[in-house]
Protein backbone atom coordinates (compact mmCIF):
# COMPACT_ATOMS: atom_id res chain seq x y z
CA MET A 1 27.59 12.39 -25.46
CA VAL A 2 27.43 16.45 -25.15
CA THR A 3 25.65 18.65 -23.03
CA ILE A 4 23.28 21.61 -23.94
CA ASP A 5 22.43 24.77 -21.93
CA VAL A 6 18.52 24.53 -21.36
CA ARG A 7 18.50 28.38 -21.81
CA LYS A 8 19.40 27.79 -25.56
CA LEU A 9 16.64 25.35 -25.82
CA ILE A 10 13.57 27.15 -24.48
CA SER A 11 14.36 30.42 -26.20
CA PHE A 12 15.63 30.17 -29.89
CA GLY A 13 17.91 27.38 -30.65
CA LYS A 14 20.69 27.16 -32.93
CA GLY A 15 21.40 25.28 -36.01
CA SER A 16 19.09 22.04 -35.98
CA PHE A 17 18.19 21.97 -32.39
CA ILE A 18 14.51 22.29 -31.30
CA LEU A 19 13.36 25.71 -30.95
CA SER A 20 11.61 25.02 -27.60
CA MET A 21 11.42 22.15 -25.08
CA PRO A 22 8.09 20.79 -23.78
CA LYS A 23 7.05 22.89 -20.67
CA GLY A 24 5.66 19.88 -18.94
CA TRP A 25 8.86 17.89 -19.46
CA ILE A 26 11.09 20.64 -17.99
CA GLU A 27 8.76 21.01 -15.03
CA LYS A 28 8.64 17.35 -14.46
CA ASN A 29 12.29 17.05 -14.31
CA ASN A 30 12.55 20.22 -12.12
CA LEU A 31 14.90 21.90 -14.80
CA LYS A 32 15.69 25.72 -14.49
CA LYS A 33 17.53 28.13 -16.93
CA GLY A 34 21.20 27.43 -16.60
CA ASP A 35 20.60 23.76 -15.95
CA PHE A 36 22.09 21.13 -18.31
CA ILE A 37 20.55 18.28 -20.38
CA SER A 38 22.28 15.45 -22.10
CA VAL A 39 22.26 14.57 -25.75
CA SER A 40 23.09 11.35 -26.96
CA ASP A 41 23.59 10.60 -30.79
CA ASP A 42 23.00 7.22 -31.80
CA GLY A 43 23.58 8.18 -35.66
CA VAL A 44 19.73 8.27 -36.57
CA GLU A 45 18.37 10.49 -33.72
CA LEU A 46 19.27 12.68 -30.75
CA ILE A 47 18.01 11.53 -27.33
CA LEU A 48 17.61 14.18 -24.73
CA SER A 49 17.63 13.49 -21.09
CA ALA A 50 17.80 15.39 -17.80
CA ASN A 51 21.05 15.60 -16.32
CA GLN A 52 20.94 12.90 -13.61
CA GLN A 53 23.33 14.42 -11.16
CA GLU A 54 21.35 14.67 -7.73
CA LYS A 55 19.57 17.79 -7.08
CA LYS A 56 18.16 18.81 -3.82
CA LEU A 57 14.29 19.38 -4.33
CA ASP A 58 12.64 22.29 -2.28
CA ALA A 59 11.22 20.72 0.94
CA LYS A 60 7.40 20.84 1.05
CA GLU A 61 5.65 22.06 4.26
CA ILE A 62 1.85 21.99 5.46
CA SER A 63 0.14 23.39 8.30
CA ILE A 64 -2.79 21.52 9.44
CA GLU A 65 -5.47 23.25 11.82
CA ILE A 66 -7.43 20.83 13.89
CA ASN A 67 -9.66 22.99 16.23
CA ASP A 68 -13.15 21.35 16.50
CA LYS A 69 -12.19 18.61 14.03
CA ASP A 70 -13.19 14.98 14.64
CA ILE A 71 -9.99 12.72 15.41
CA GLY A 72 -11.06 10.61 12.10
CA LEU A 73 -10.70 13.73 9.96
CA ILE A 74 -7.58 14.83 11.66
CA LYS A 75 -5.89 11.58 10.86
CA ALA A 76 -7.23 11.52 7.14
CA GLU A 77 -5.49 14.99 6.93
CA ILE A 78 -2.32 14.01 8.49
CA VAL A 79 -2.02 10.63 6.27
CA SER A 80 -3.08 12.43 3.21
CA SER A 81 -0.17 15.14 3.56
CA TYR A 82 2.24 12.16 4.36
CA LEU A 83 0.98 10.51 0.93
CA ASN A 84 1.40 13.82 -0.84
CA CYS A 85 5.07 13.78 -0.11
CA TYR A 86 5.21 16.70 2.39
CA ASP A 87 8.74 16.87 4.24
CA THR A 88 7.29 18.80 7.10
CA VAL A 89 3.84 18.57 8.96
CA ASN A 90 2.78 21.28 11.42
CA VAL A 91 -0.24 20.55 13.33
CA LEU A 92 -1.81 23.48 14.96
CA PHE A 93 -4.13 23.71 17.97
CA VAL A 94 -5.54 25.47 20.82
CA ASN A 95 -3.57 25.55 24.18
CA ASN A 96 -2.82 22.06 25.61
CA TYR A 97 -5.01 20.09 23.11
CA ASN A 98 -6.21 17.21 24.94
CA GLU A 99 -5.91 14.73 21.94
CA ALA A 100 -2.20 15.53 21.36
CA LEU A 101 -1.16 11.96 22.37
CA LYS A 102 -3.70 10.48 19.56
CA ILE A 103 -1.88 12.83 17.03
CA LYS A 104 1.50 11.72 18.15
CA ASP A 105 0.52 8.03 17.80
CA ILE A 106 -0.88 8.74 14.35
CA MET A 107 2.61 10.21 13.24
CA ARG A 108 4.40 7.38 14.66
CA ASN A 109 2.68 5.08 12.49
CA LEU A 110 3.93 6.61 9.36
CA SER A 111 7.40 5.57 8.58
CA GLY A 112 10.16 8.23 8.56
CA LEU A 113 7.76 10.90 9.86
CA GLU A 114 9.64 11.95 13.37
CA ILE A 115 8.29 14.36 15.83
CA MET A 116 10.77 17.21 16.11
CA GLU A 117 8.87 19.69 18.41
CA GLN A 118 6.01 19.79 20.71
CA THR A 119 4.63 22.78 22.38
CA SER A 120 1.19 23.81 23.99
CA THR A 121 -0.13 25.00 20.43
CA ARG A 122 1.54 22.73 17.82
CA ILE A 123 3.14 19.40 16.92
CA VAL A 124 5.84 19.47 14.28
CA ALA A 125 7.12 16.43 12.42
CA LYS A 126 9.79 15.99 9.75
CA ASN A 127 10.36 13.18 7.25
CA LEU A 128 13.77 11.89 7.83
CA ILE A 129 13.59 9.10 5.03
CA ASN A 130 15.76 9.39 1.81
CA ILE A 131 13.42 8.12 -1.00
CA ASN A 132 16.37 7.35 -3.08
CA GLU A 133 17.46 4.67 -0.68
CA ILE A 134 14.20 2.95 -0.30
CA SER A 135 13.59 -0.41 -2.24
CA ILE A 136 9.87 -0.86 -3.27
CA LYS A 137 10.65 -4.59 -3.88
CA THR A 138 11.81 -4.86 -0.20
CA ILE A 139 8.64 -3.08 0.94
CA ILE A 140 6.74 -5.72 -0.92
CA ARG A 141 8.55 -8.70 0.48
CA ARG A 142 8.22 -7.30 4.13
CA MET A 143 4.50 -6.86 3.55
CA ASP A 144 4.20 -10.50 2.37
CA ILE A 145 6.31 -11.97 5.20
CA ILE A 146 3.96 -10.15 7.83
CA THR A 147 0.82 -11.06 5.85
CA ARG A 148 1.83 -14.67 5.67
CA ALA A 149 2.27 -14.54 9.49
CA MET A 150 -1.04 -13.14 9.83
CA ILE A 151 -2.54 -15.85 7.78
CA GLU A 152 -0.84 -18.61 9.68
CA ASP A 153 -2.14 -17.03 13.06
CA THR A 154 -5.59 -16.81 11.75
CA ILE A 155 -5.56 -20.57 10.91
CA LEU A 156 -4.91 -21.28 14.45
CA CYS A 157 -8.12 -19.14 15.32
CA PHE A 158 -10.15 -21.84 13.68
CA ARG A 159 -8.29 -24.44 15.76
CA GLY A 160 -9.07 -22.57 19.20
CA GLN A 161 -5.45 -20.92 19.51
CA CYS A 162 -6.34 -17.20 18.51
CA HIS A 163 -4.13 -14.55 19.57
CA TYR A 164 -6.13 -11.53 18.03
CA GLY A 165 -3.99 -8.95 19.63
CA ASN A 166 -0.91 -10.13 17.62
CA ILE A 167 -2.59 -10.24 14.51
CA HIS A 168 -4.10 -6.67 14.98
CA GLN A 169 -0.32 -5.35 15.85
CA ARG A 170 0.82 -6.86 12.44
CA ASP A 171 -1.96 -5.29 10.53
CA ALA A 172 -0.70 -1.93 11.91
CA ASP A 173 2.70 -2.75 10.58
CA VAL A 174 1.51 -3.70 7.13
CA ASN A 175 -0.31 -0.47 7.00
CA ARG A 176 2.78 1.37 7.79
CA LEU A 177 4.66 -0.20 5.13
CA TYR A 178 1.79 0.49 2.56
CA PHE A 179 1.73 4.21 3.42
CA LEU A 180 5.59 4.23 2.80
CA GLY A 181 5.37 2.24 -0.31
CA SER A 182 2.67 4.54 -1.61
CA ARG A 183 4.67 7.70 -0.66
CA VAL A 184 7.98 6.31 -2.47
CA ILE A 185 5.66 5.27 -5.52
CA LYS A 186 4.14 8.58 -5.70
CA ASN A 187 7.48 10.46 -5.57
CA ALA A 188 8.96 8.20 -8.45
CA LEU A 189 6.08 8.89 -10.60
CA LYS A 190 6.21 12.75 -10.23
CA THR A 191 9.97 12.78 -10.47
CA PRO A 192 11.68 10.61 -13.10
CA ARG A 193 15.09 11.32 -11.47
CA ILE A 194 13.85 9.35 -8.45
CA ALA A 195 12.45 6.44 -10.81
CA LYS A 196 15.76 6.21 -12.44
CA SER A 197 17.56 6.08 -9.24
CA LEU A 198 15.29 3.12 -8.12
CA LEU A 199 15.83 1.23 -11.32
CA THR A 200 12.19 1.33 -12.15
CA ASP A 201 9.68 2.68 -14.88
CA PRO A 202 6.11 3.99 -14.73
CA TRP A 203 4.35 0.57 -15.74
CA GLU A 204 6.44 -1.12 -13.03
CA LEU A 205 5.46 1.47 -10.50
CA HIS A 206 1.94 1.19 -11.31
CA SER A 207 1.94 -2.72 -10.92
CA ASP A 208 3.93 -2.22 -7.68
CA ALA A 209 1.12 0.19 -6.35
CA LEU A 210 -1.51 -2.46 -7.15
CA ILE A 211 0.50 -5.15 -5.26
CA ILE A 212 0.98 -3.15 -2.07
CA LEU A 213 -2.73 -2.21 -2.14
CA ARG A 214 -3.79 -5.74 -2.68
CA LEU A 215 -1.40 -6.90 0.14
CA GLU A 216 -2.69 -4.30 2.40
CA LYS A 217 -6.46 -5.42 1.90
CA ILE A 218 -5.43 -9.06 2.29
CA ALA A 219 -3.98 -8.28 5.85
CA ASP A 220 -6.82 -6.31 6.83
CA ARG A 221 -9.17 -9.14 6.10
CA GLN A 222 -7.29 -11.46 8.24
CA LYS A 223 -7.47 -9.21 11.18
CA ARG A 224 -11.25 -9.01 10.58
CA ILE A 225 -11.69 -12.72 10.23
CA ALA A 226 -9.53 -13.16 13.61
CA ARG A 227 -11.70 -10.62 15.32
CA PHE A 228 -15.04 -12.36 14.59
CA LEU A 229 -13.47 -15.76 15.53
CA SER A 230 -12.33 -14.35 18.82
CA THR A 231 -15.97 -13.09 19.76
CA VAL A 232 -18.14 -16.30 19.01
CA ASN A 233 -18.03 -19.74 19.82
CA LEU A 234 -18.90 -21.98 16.98
CA ASP A 235 -19.40 -25.66 16.77
CA ARG A 236 -16.50 -27.96 15.68
CA ALA A 237 -17.93 -29.02 12.30
CA THR A 238 -18.43 -25.47 11.13
CA LEU A 239 -14.85 -24.44 12.35
CA ALA A 240 -13.46 -27.44 10.52
CA GLU A 241 -15.23 -26.53 7.28
CA LEU A 242 -13.99 -22.87 7.71
CA ASP A 243 -10.49 -24.32 8.27
CA ASN A 244 -10.43 -26.46 5.03
CA VAL A 245 -11.72 -23.59 2.99
CA TYR A 246 -9.07 -21.17 4.72
CA THR A 247 -6.43 -23.43 4.13
CA CYS A 248 -7.08 -23.59 0.36
CA ILE A 249 -7.00 -19.89 0.23
CA SER A 250 -3.77 -19.79 2.22
CA GLU A 251 -2.32 -22.15 -0.35
CA ALA A 252 -3.44 -19.92 -3.02
CA TYR A 253 -1.79 -16.97 -1.49
CA ASN A 254 1.60 -18.72 -1.16
CA GLU A 255 1.26 -19.79 -4.82
CA VAL A 256 0.34 -16.15 -6.14
CA MET A 257 3.27 -14.60 -4.36
CA LYS A 258 5.53 -17.31 -5.74
CA SER A 259 4.27 -16.25 -9.04
CA TYR A 260 4.96 -12.66 -8.44
CA TYR A 261 8.62 -13.15 -7.24
CA ASN A 262 9.46 -15.59 -10.11
CA GLN A 263 7.22 -13.75 -12.72
CA ASP A 264 5.64 -17.24 -13.45
CA LYS A 265 2.58 -16.59 -15.34
CA LYS A 266 1.58 -20.35 -15.62
CA ILE A 267 1.04 -20.33 -11.70
CA SER A 268 -0.90 -16.92 -11.94
CA PHE A 269 -3.11 -18.42 -14.67
CA GLN A 270 -3.91 -21.46 -12.21
CA VAL A 271 -4.58 -19.05 -9.20
CA GLU A 272 -6.93 -17.04 -11.30
CA VAL A 273 -8.95 -20.02 -12.71
CA THR A 274 -9.64 -21.74 -9.54
CA SER A 275 -10.79 -18.46 -7.67
CA THR A 276 -14.40 -19.20 -8.51
CA ASP A 277 -13.98 -22.70 -6.88
CA ARG A 278 -12.73 -21.32 -3.58
CA THR A 279 -15.73 -18.66 -3.68
CA ALA A 280 -18.23 -21.40 -4.39
CA SER A 281 -16.69 -23.54 -1.32
CA CYS A 282 -17.39 -20.31 1.13
CA ASP A 283 -21.00 -20.04 -0.30
CA LYS A 284 -21.66 -23.35 0.25
CA ILE A 285 -20.62 -23.30 3.93
CA LEU A 286 -22.70 -20.01 4.57
CA GLU A 287 -25.76 -21.61 2.94
CA LYS A 288 -25.55 -24.86 4.90
CA TYR A 289 -25.11 -22.76 8.40
CA SER A 290 -27.86 -20.41 7.34
CA THR A 291 -30.31 -23.10 6.76
CA ALA A 292 -29.34 -25.15 9.87
CA ASN A 293 -29.95 -21.77 11.86
CA SER A 294 -32.55 -19.79 10.13
CA HIS A 295 -35.38 -20.81 12.44
CA SER A 296 -33.55 -20.42 15.69
CA LYS A 297 -34.87 -17.74 18.04
CA ASN A 298 -31.79 -18.09 20.44
CA LYS A 299 -29.81 -14.77 20.60
CA THR A 300 -26.40 -16.30 20.48
CA ALA A 301 -27.36 -18.48 17.53
CA ASN A 302 -28.18 -15.38 15.53
CA LEU A 303 -24.87 -13.45 16.62
CA ASN A 304 -22.96 -16.66 15.59
CA LEU A 305 -24.86 -16.60 12.09
CA VAL A 306 -23.94 -13.01 11.66
CA ALA A 307 -20.31 -13.78 12.49
CA VAL A 308 -20.13 -16.67 10.28
CA ALA A 309 -21.49 -14.37 7.34
CA LYS A 310 -18.88 -11.84 8.13
CA ILE A 311 -16.14 -14.50 8.09
CA ILE A 312 -17.54 -15.76 4.73
CA GLU A 313 -17.55 -12.25 3.33
CA ASN A 314 -13.80 -11.66 4.37
CA LEU A 315 -12.69 -14.98 3.26
CA LYS A 316 -14.17 -14.43 -0.33
CA ALA A 317 -12.59 -10.86 -0.26
CA THR A 318 -9.29 -12.46 0.34
CA SER A 319 -9.79 -14.80 -2.43
CA VAL A 320 -10.77 -12.04 -4.79
CA GLU A 321 -7.61 -10.06 -3.91
CA ILE A 322 -5.41 -13.12 -4.56
CA LYS A 323 -6.81 -13.31 -8.00
CA ASN A 324 -6.10 -9.52 -8.45
CA ILE A 325 -2.51 -10.13 -7.58
CA ALA A 326 -2.61 -12.94 -10.10
CA ARG A 327 -3.95 -10.67 -12.77
CA THR A 328 -1.35 -7.98 -11.97
CA VAL A 329 1.32 -10.64 -12.56
CA LEU A 330 -0.13 -11.67 -16.06
CA CYS A 331 0.01 -7.94 -17.05
CA TYR A 332 3.81 -7.90 -16.62
CA GLU A 333 5.70 -7.64 -19.80
């Protein structure tokens, strides 16, 4: 193993070395003139790699002006800056902005983003998390644990023991982990040095990104199901049918996550091929309930019909996301 000065490679090299290095590779690895790269000789070819000693990257900073903007747009801009790996976020506004508390709540829901300063015209937040110390697999496992708890609590909603507030809070926890995972993955994809420190590669990062997205969507669906169940009063027979289908979906979720952790493609195949059966069961319940209540002019009955349709929609969407996790596992090499 020897080292070569990048300056000798990006100008005119000597001997049999390449005359120039790919500009994109140099920029991706944050190399500058005077930096060193490693050259490994395996007897047949030379393998060049960026020197893996830790280098401090330039901190990224962004300023967001929020005057006359809707809070939804403001949230989107702050979250976007977080996902785009900005280290410092300055939110600027007119004197004593009356929505400052909402801005602070948005920032507190982004892991590692801590408010360092607040005045009458700005809020400054800095990211304090070291990307190199974050395990994507740990994030996925934590999202899974919280999602399982949400599913268990939502099952209780079918049995008259609904605690929607707890489920809603857990969904916020999953969202927080999703944003953190997305930030780590984007950093690793853009910076090979970070990917190497995390012991991962682009394809695994792509697969992990799909997994955390599916988990976030599944958690969101449980929140919606619980919300609809907490606002209606359905008959016992319908609740029992929904409970049975939901239990099957819950078991499929447990199985697909087992297949993910164990890389068991046999289980993933089984989860995927049975997805159609779960969807058909959902459709059957909705058709039966719709037929029984289609001619009712009672306002409550109509509201219940809408709620059942929404519950079925989210049950089917949960099943689809479970199937998508199975497909991601099947694509692992």
